[in-house]
Amino acid sequence: MMIANEQQFRDAVADKPMVRGGDEIVVNAAGQIVGTLDGKAITASKWMWDGSTFCRALQTAERDFPSACQNVTMDGREVTFGQTTWTLK
């Protein structure tokens, strides 16, 4: 299922822990992404909804993830941002 708008995203994903490998994140309703990526704590982040896409920018102490807007799809407990899939905990 394609998540087509911000309200669908908030209802289905926001404030819910997601895991992928040894990492865990929460995309919170306040507009931040918290948790770990590549085993490193996220040190700065922000997200917003733009039209029909999820847009985010974030960084860890070792890596800067450039801003990107991505389609979001959901299949059961699997949430895919672009080509990266996380599992709702």
Protein backbone atom coordinates (compact mmCIF):
# COMPACT_ATOMS: atom_id res chain seq x y z
CA MET A 1 0.00 0.00 0.00
CA MET A 2 1.35 3.40 -0.98
CA ILE A 3 1.18 5.97 1.81
CA ALA A 4 -0.14 8.96 -0.09
CA ASN A 5 -0.43 11.73 2.49
CA GLU A 6 0.90 12.96 5.80
CA GLN A 7 -2.11 11.85 7.84
CA GLN A 8 -1.79 8.27 6.58
CA PHE A 9 1.91 8.38 7.44
CA ARG A 10 1.30 9.73 10.93
CA ASP A 11 -1.39 7.12 11.60
CA ALA A 12 0.65 4.19 10.31
CA VAL A 13 4.26 5.04 11.16
CA ALA A 14 4.85 8.11 13.36
CA ASP A 15 5.98 7.43 16.94
CA LYS A 16 6.30 3.67 16.32
CA PRO A 17 9.70 1.97 16.71
CA MET A 18 11.11 0.37 13.57
CA VAL A 19 14.05 -2.01 13.26
CA ARG A 20 16.43 -3.00 10.45
CA GLY A 21 19.40 -5.21 11.24
CA GLY A 22 20.83 -3.94 14.52
CA ASP A 23 19.40 -0.43 14.08
CA GLU A 24 16.24 1.05 15.52
CA ILE A 25 14.57 4.36 14.70
CA VAL A 26 11.45 6.29 15.56
CA VAL A 27 10.10 8.91 13.18
CA ASN A 28 8.35 11.03 15.77
CA ALA A 29 5.33 13.27 15.36
CA ALA A 30 7.41 16.30 16.41
CA GLY A 31 9.37 16.13 13.13
CA GLN A 32 12.52 14.32 14.22
CA ILE A 33 14.03 10.91 13.60
CA VAL A 34 15.70 9.36 16.65
CA GLY A 35 17.61 6.13 17.11
CA THR A 36 20.59 4.53 15.36
CA LEU A 37 21.77 4.09 11.78
CA ASP A 38 24.74 1.91 10.88
CA GLY A 39 25.17 1.35 14.62
CA LYS A 40 25.64 5.07 15.33
CA ALA A 41 23.27 7.38 17.19
CA ILE A 42 21.40 9.92 15.08
CA THR A 43 22.67 13.32 16.24
CA ALA A 44 20.52 15.66 14.13
CA SER A 45 17.43 15.12 12.02
CA LYS A 46 14.23 16.55 10.65
CA TRP A 47 11.42 15.28 8.48
CA MET A 48 8.40 16.72 6.73
CA TRP A 49 5.76 15.58 4.30
CA ASP A 50 5.82 17.19 0.84
CA GLY A 51 2.91 16.41 -1.46
CA SER A 52 2.99 12.62 -1.61
CA THR A 53 6.54 12.04 -0.34
CA PHE A 54 8.40 11.78 2.95
CA CYS A 55 11.37 14.18 3.05
CA ARG A 56 14.18 13.84 5.57
CA ALA A 57 17.68 14.99 6.46
CA LEU A 58 19.78 13.43 9.20
CA GLN A 59 23.26 12.81 10.45
CA THR A 60 25.25 10.67 12.85
CA ALA A 61 28.62 11.52 14.38
CA GLU A 62 30.30 9.73 11.46
CA ARG A 63 28.03 10.33 8.49
CA ASP A 64 25.84 13.00 6.96
CA PHE A 65 22.80 11.60 5.14
CA PRO A 66 21.82 14.21 2.55
CA SER A 67 18.27 15.49 2.29
CA ALA A 68 16.04 13.18 0.30
CA CYS A 69 12.37 12.83 -0.50
CA GLN A 70 11.06 9.29 -0.84
CA ASN A 71 7.87 7.42 -1.54
CA VAL A 72 6.69 5.36 1.42
CA THR A 73 4.94 2.02 1.06
CA MET A 74 3.67 -0.39 3.67
CA ASP A 75 3.12 -4.13 3.49
CA GLY A 76 1.93 -5.50 6.82
CA ARG A 77 4.61 -4.51 9.33
CA GLU A 78 7.18 -3.67 6.61
CA VAL A 79 7.65 0.05 5.89
CA THR A 80 9.73 0.96 2.84
CA PHE A 81 11.22 4.43 2.42
CA GLY A 82 12.46 4.60 -1.18
CA GLN A 83 14.35 1.31 -1.33
CA THR A 84 15.09 0.85 2.39
CA THR A 85 12.74 -1.40 4.37
CA TRP A 86 12.20 -1.23 8.12
CA THR A 87 9.99 -3.48 10.27
CA LEU A 88 7.56 -2.04 12.79
CA LYS A 89 8.44 -3.44 16.21
